[in-house]
Amino acid sequence: TYRREALAALKKADDTLLDKELIILCHELIRRCLVSEQKLSLAALPVGSLMVELDKKRAKKHQFQSLGDDFINGPYRSQVELNAQQKALILSTTRHWIRKHHA
């Protein structure tokens, strides 16, 4: 159920959020999924460490680190600007993780 809700939240937010808000939503949904799977210690990690841990079990083309510094550190910047391709890649990578993760 939590996966379905997370995917619905991403779909609804596709065009309505600013770039920084979209990144924050993706981070939040990832953490919610981890909490739902009772992986509290993993969910509590700082973003950089969390993405490294999550990427250990993922194919290179689906790794969060490949999304770049805007995805990892975007929530901590005053302004983030993503192009359409970056947004699409962030959304597809997050959706893929939500559908396929086994935390």
N, C-alpha and C. Protein backbone atom coordinates (compact mmCIF):
# COMPACT_ATOMS: atom_id res chain seq x y z
N THR A 1 0.82 -1.19 0.00
CA THR A 1 0.00 0.00 0.00
C THR A 1 0.86 1.26 0.00
N TYR A 2 1.91 1.29 0.81
CA TYR A 2 2.74 2.48 0.89
C TYR A 2 3.41 2.79 -0.44
N ARG A 3 3.75 1.75 -1.20
CA ARG A 3 4.35 1.98 -2.52
C ARG A 3 3.35 2.64 -3.46
N ARG A 4 2.14 2.15 -3.45
CA ARG A 4 1.09 2.70 -4.31
C ARG A 4 0.85 4.17 -3.95
N GLU A 5 0.80 4.48 -2.67
CA GLU A 5 0.60 5.86 -2.22
C GLU A 5 1.77 6.75 -2.63
N ALA A 6 2.99 6.25 -2.51
CA ALA A 6 4.16 7.03 -2.89
C ALA A 6 4.18 7.31 -4.38
N LEU A 7 3.86 6.31 -5.18
CA LEU A 7 3.82 6.49 -6.63
C LEU A 7 2.73 7.47 -7.03
N ALA A 8 1.59 7.42 -6.35
CA ALA A 8 0.50 8.36 -6.63
C ALA A 8 0.92 9.79 -6.28
N ALA A 9 1.64 9.96 -5.19
CA ALA A 9 2.12 11.29 -4.79
C ALA A 9 3.09 11.84 -5.82
N LEU A 10 3.96 10.98 -6.35
CA LEU A 10 4.90 11.42 -7.40
C LEU A 10 4.17 11.81 -8.68
N LYS A 11 3.18 11.04 -9.04
CA LYS A 11 2.43 11.31 -10.27
C LYS A 11 1.70 12.64 -10.15
N LYS A 12 1.11 12.88 -9.00
CA LYS A 12 0.35 14.10 -8.78
C LYS A 12 1.27 15.33 -8.78
N ALA A 13 2.50 15.16 -8.34
CA ALA A 13 3.43 16.27 -8.19
C ALA A 13 4.23 16.57 -9.44
N ASP A 14 4.14 15.73 -10.45
CA ASP A 14 4.95 15.88 -11.66
C ASP A 14 5.12 17.31 -12.14
N ASP A 15 4.04 18.00 -12.37
CA ASP A 15 4.12 19.32 -12.98
C ASP A 15 3.78 20.46 -12.04
N THR A 16 3.42 20.15 -10.82
CA THR A 16 2.93 21.19 -9.92
C THR A 16 4.00 21.75 -8.99
N LEU A 17 5.09 21.05 -8.79
CA LEU A 17 6.10 21.47 -7.82
C LEU A 17 7.27 22.18 -8.47
N LEU A 18 7.87 23.08 -7.71
CA LEU A 18 9.13 23.68 -8.13
C LEU A 18 10.22 22.62 -8.05
N ASP A 19 11.34 22.87 -8.68
CA ASP A 19 12.42 21.88 -8.74
C ASP A 19 12.88 21.42 -7.36
N LYS A 20 13.12 22.38 -6.48
CA LYS A 20 13.59 22.03 -5.13
C LYS A 20 12.52 21.24 -4.38
N GLU A 21 11.26 21.62 -4.52
CA GLU A 21 10.17 20.90 -3.86
C GLU A 21 10.06 19.47 -4.36
N LEU A 22 10.30 19.26 -5.65
CA LEU A 22 10.26 17.93 -6.23
C LEU A 22 11.35 17.04 -5.62
N ILE A 23 12.55 17.58 -5.48
CA ILE A 23 13.65 16.83 -4.89
C ILE A 23 13.33 16.48 -3.44
N ILE A 24 12.81 17.44 -2.70
CA ILE A 24 12.45 17.20 -1.30
C ILE A 24 11.38 16.12 -1.20
N LEU A 25 10.39 16.16 -2.09
CA LEU A 25 9.35 15.14 -2.09
C LEU A 25 9.94 13.75 -2.36
N CYS A 26 10.84 13.65 -3.31
CA CYS A 26 11.48 12.36 -3.61
C CYS A 26 12.23 11.84 -2.38
N HIS A 27 13.00 12.70 -1.73
CA HIS A 27 13.72 12.29 -0.52
C HIS A 27 12.74 11.81 0.55
N GLU A 28 11.66 12.57 0.74
CA GLU A 28 10.67 12.23 1.76
C GLU A 28 10.00 10.89 1.47
N LEU A 29 9.64 10.66 0.22
CA LEU A 29 8.98 9.40 -0.14
C LEU A 29 9.92 8.20 0.04
N ILE A 30 11.17 8.38 -0.28
CA ILE A 30 12.16 7.31 -0.08
C ILE A 30 12.24 6.97 1.41
N ARG A 31 12.33 7.99 2.24
CA ARG A 31 12.42 7.76 3.69
C ARG A 31 11.13 7.13 4.23
N ARG A 32 9.98 7.57 3.73
CA ARG A 32 8.71 6.97 4.18
C ARG A 32 8.65 5.49 3.85
N CYS A 33 9.12 5.14 2.65
CA CYS A 33 9.14 3.72 2.27
C CYS A 33 10.04 2.93 3.21
N LEU A 34 11.19 3.49 3.54
CA LEU A 34 12.10 2.81 4.46
C LEU A 34 11.48 2.64 5.84
N VAL A 35 10.80 3.67 6.32
CA VAL A 35 10.13 3.59 7.62
C VAL A 35 9.04 2.53 7.58
N SER A 36 8.29 2.48 6.47
CA SER A 36 7.24 1.47 6.32
C SER A 36 7.80 0.06 6.34
N GLU A 37 9.03 -0.10 5.90
CA GLU A 37 9.70 -1.40 5.91
C GLU A 37 10.46 -1.64 7.21
N GLN A 38 10.25 -0.76 8.20
CA GLN A 38 10.91 -0.88 9.50
C GLN A 38 12.42 -0.73 9.42
N LYS A 39 12.90 0.06 8.50
CA LYS A 39 14.34 0.34 8.34
C LYS A 39 14.64 1.73 8.87
N LEU A 40 14.36 1.94 10.14
CA LEU A 40 14.47 3.26 10.75
C LEU A 40 15.90 3.79 10.77
N SER A 41 16.86 2.94 11.04
CA SER A 41 18.25 3.40 11.10
C SER A 41 18.74 3.82 9.71
N LEU A 42 18.29 3.14 8.69
CA LEU A 42 18.65 3.52 7.32
C LEU A 42 17.96 4.84 6.95
N ALA A 43 16.70 4.98 7.30
CA ALA A 43 15.95 6.20 6.98
C ALA A 43 16.52 7.42 7.69
N ALA A 44 17.19 7.21 8.82
CA ALA A 44 17.73 8.33 9.60
C ALA A 44 19.08 8.82 9.10
N LEU A 45 19.68 8.14 8.16
CA LEU A 45 20.99 8.56 7.65
C LEU A 45 20.91 9.90 6.93
N PRO A 46 22.01 10.67 6.94
CA PRO A 46 22.06 11.88 6.11
C PRO A 46 21.89 11.49 4.64
N VAL A 47 21.39 12.40 3.84
CA VAL A 47 21.05 12.09 2.45
C VAL A 47 22.22 11.47 1.69
N GLY A 48 23.39 12.03 1.78
CA GLY A 48 24.54 11.50 1.05
C GLY A 48 24.84 10.05 1.41
N SER A 49 24.86 9.76 2.69
CA SER A 49 25.11 8.40 3.16
C SER A 49 23.98 7.45 2.78
N LEU A 50 22.75 7.95 2.87
CA LEU A 50 21.59 7.14 2.52
C LEU A 50 21.65 6.71 1.06
N MET A 51 21.96 7.64 0.18
CA MET A 51 21.99 7.31 -1.25
C MET A 51 23.11 6.32 -1.57
N VAL A 52 24.23 6.45 -0.90
CA VAL A 52 25.32 5.48 -1.08
C VAL A 52 24.85 4.09 -0.68
N GLU A 53 24.17 3.99 0.45
CA GLU A 53 23.67 2.69 0.92
C GLU A 53 22.63 2.11 -0.02
N LEU A 54 21.71 2.94 -0.46
CA LEU A 54 20.66 2.46 -1.37
C LEU A 54 21.22 2.03 -2.72
N ASP A 55 22.25 2.72 -3.17
CA ASP A 55 22.84 2.42 -4.48
C ASP A 55 23.65 1.13 -4.49
N LYS A 56 24.04 0.63 -3.34
CA LYS A 56 24.85 -0.59 -3.28
C LYS A 56 24.15 -1.78 -3.93
N LYS A 57 22.83 -1.80 -3.90
CA LYS A 57 22.07 -2.94 -4.42
C LYS A 57 21.40 -2.64 -5.75
N ARG A 58 21.80 -1.56 -6.39
CA ARG A 58 21.12 -1.13 -7.62
C ARG A 58 22.06 -1.14 -8.82
N ALA A 59 21.48 -1.38 -9.98
CA ALA A 59 22.24 -1.30 -11.22
C ALA A 59 22.70 0.15 -11.43
N LYS A 60 23.82 0.32 -12.07
CA LYS A 60 24.41 1.65 -12.25
C LYS A 60 23.42 2.64 -12.86
N LYS A 61 22.63 2.20 -13.84
CA LYS A 61 21.72 3.13 -14.51
C LYS A 61 20.56 3.57 -13.63
N HIS A 62 20.34 2.92 -12.50
CA HIS A 62 19.26 3.28 -11.59
C HIS A 62 19.76 3.84 -10.26
N GLN A 63 21.01 4.23 -10.20
CA GLN A 63 21.57 4.72 -8.94
C GLN A 63 21.25 6.19 -8.72
N PHE A 64 20.96 6.53 -7.48
CA PHE A 64 20.66 7.91 -7.12
C PHE A 64 21.88 8.82 -7.29
N GLN A 65 23.06 8.29 -7.04
CA GLN A 65 24.26 9.11 -7.17
C GLN A 65 24.47 9.60 -8.60
N SER A 66 23.95 8.86 -9.57
CA SER A 66 24.09 9.27 -10.97
C SER A 66 23.21 10.48 -11.29
N LEU A 67 22.31 10.84 -10.38
CA LEU A 67 21.45 12.01 -10.59
C LEU A 67 22.19 13.32 -10.32
N GLY A 68 23.36 13.20 -9.71
CA GLY A 68 24.20 14.37 -9.49
C GLY A 68 23.96 15.09 -8.18
N ASP A 69 24.74 16.12 -8.01
CA ASP A 69 24.74 16.88 -6.76
C ASP A 69 23.43 17.63 -6.55
N ASP A 70 22.75 18.01 -7.62
CA ASP A 70 21.46 18.70 -7.46
C ASP A 70 20.46 17.83 -6.71
N PHE A 71 20.47 16.54 -6.97
CA PHE A 71 19.55 15.65 -6.28
C PHE A 71 19.97 15.43 -4.83
N ILE A 72 21.24 15.20 -4.61
CA ILE A 72 21.73 14.89 -3.27
C ILE A 72 21.65 16.12 -2.36
N ASN A 73 22.13 17.25 -2.82
CA ASN A 73 22.23 18.44 -1.97
C ASN A 73 21.24 19.54 -2.30
N GLY A 74 20.36 19.31 -3.25
CA GLY A 74 19.39 20.32 -3.65
C GLY A 74 18.54 20.89 -2.52
N PRO A 75 18.08 20.06 -1.59
CA PRO A 75 17.25 20.59 -0.50
C PRO A 75 17.98 21.60 0.38
N TYR A 76 19.30 21.60 0.34
CA TYR A 76 20.07 22.48 1.22
C TYR A 76 20.55 23.75 0.50
N ARG A 77 20.13 23.93 -0.72
CA ARG A 77 20.50 25.12 -1.49
C ARG A 77 19.34 26.09 -1.52
N SER A 78 19.67 27.36 -1.69
CA SER A 78 18.60 28.36 -1.74
C SER A 78 17.79 28.25 -3.02
N GLN A 79 18.44 27.86 -4.10
CA GLN A 79 17.73 27.75 -5.37
C GLN A 79 18.30 26.59 -6.20
N VAL A 80 17.41 25.82 -6.79
CA VAL A 80 17.81 24.71 -7.65
C VAL A 80 17.04 24.83 -8.96
N GLU A 81 17.76 24.70 -10.05
CA GLU A 81 17.11 24.73 -11.35
C GLU A 81 17.47 23.47 -12.11
N LEU A 82 16.44 22.71 -12.47
CA LEU A 82 16.62 21.47 -13.21
C LEU A 82 16.04 21.65 -14.61
N ASN A 83 16.68 21.01 -15.58
CA ASN A 83 16.07 21.01 -16.90
C ASN A 83 15.08 19.84 -16.97
N ALA A 84 14.32 19.78 -18.06
CA ALA A 84 13.28 18.75 -18.20
C ALA A 84 13.86 17.35 -18.12
N GLN A 85 15.04 17.14 -18.71
CA GLN A 85 15.67 15.82 -18.70
C GLN A 85 16.08 15.42 -17.28
N GLN A 86 16.63 16.36 -16.51
CA GLN A 86 17.01 16.06 -15.13
C GLN A 86 15.79 15.70 -14.29
N LYS A 87 14.71 16.47 -14.45
CA LYS A 87 13.48 16.19 -13.70
C LYS A 87 12.95 14.80 -14.05
N ALA A 88 12.92 14.49 -15.32
CA ALA A 88 12.40 13.19 -15.76
C ALA A 88 13.25 12.06 -15.19
N LEU A 89 14.57 12.23 -15.17
CA LEU A 89 15.46 11.20 -14.65
C LEU A 89 15.29 11.04 -13.14
N ILE A 90 15.14 12.13 -12.42
CA ILE A 90 14.92 12.07 -10.97
C ILE A 90 13.61 11.33 -10.68
N LEU A 91 12.57 11.68 -11.41
CA LEU A 91 11.27 11.03 -11.20
C LEU A 91 11.32 9.54 -11.55
N SER A 92 11.93 9.21 -12.68
CA SER A 92 11.95 7.80 -13.08
C SER A 92 12.82 6.97 -12.13
N THR A 93 13.94 7.52 -11.68
CA THR A 93 14.80 6.79 -10.75
C THR A 93 14.11 6.58 -9.42
N THR A 94 13.42 7.60 -8.93
CA THR A 94 12.70 7.48 -7.66
C THR A 94 11.55 6.49 -7.80
N ARG A 95 10.80 6.58 -8.89
CA ARG A 95 9.70 5.62 -9.12
C ARG A 95 10.23 4.18 -9.17
N HIS A 96 11.33 4.00 -9.88
CA HIS A 96 11.91 2.66 -10.01
C HIS A 96 12.30 2.13 -8.63
N TRP A 97 12.95 2.97 -7.83
CA TRP A 97 13.35 2.51 -6.49
C TRP A 97 12.12 2.15 -5.66
N ILE A 98 11.10 2.98 -5.70
CA ILE A 98 9.88 2.71 -4.92
C ILE A 98 9.26 1.38 -5.32
N ARG A 99 9.20 1.13 -6.62
CA ARG A 99 8.59 -0.12 -7.10
C ARG A 99 9.45 -1.34 -6.79
N LYS A 100 10.76 -1.21 -6.84
CA LYS A 100 11.65 -2.37 -6.79
C LYS A 100 12.40 -2.58 -5.48
N HIS A 101 12.38 -1.61 -4.58
CA HIS A 101 13.24 -1.75 -3.41
C HIS A 101 12.80 -2.90 -2.50
N HIS A 102 13.76 -3.44 -1.87
CA HIS A 102 13.55 -4.45 -0.83
C HIS A 102 14.49 -4.09 0.31
N ALA A 103 14.12 -3.04 1.01
CA ALA A 103 14.99 -2.44 2.02
C ALA A 103 15.45 -3.43 3.07
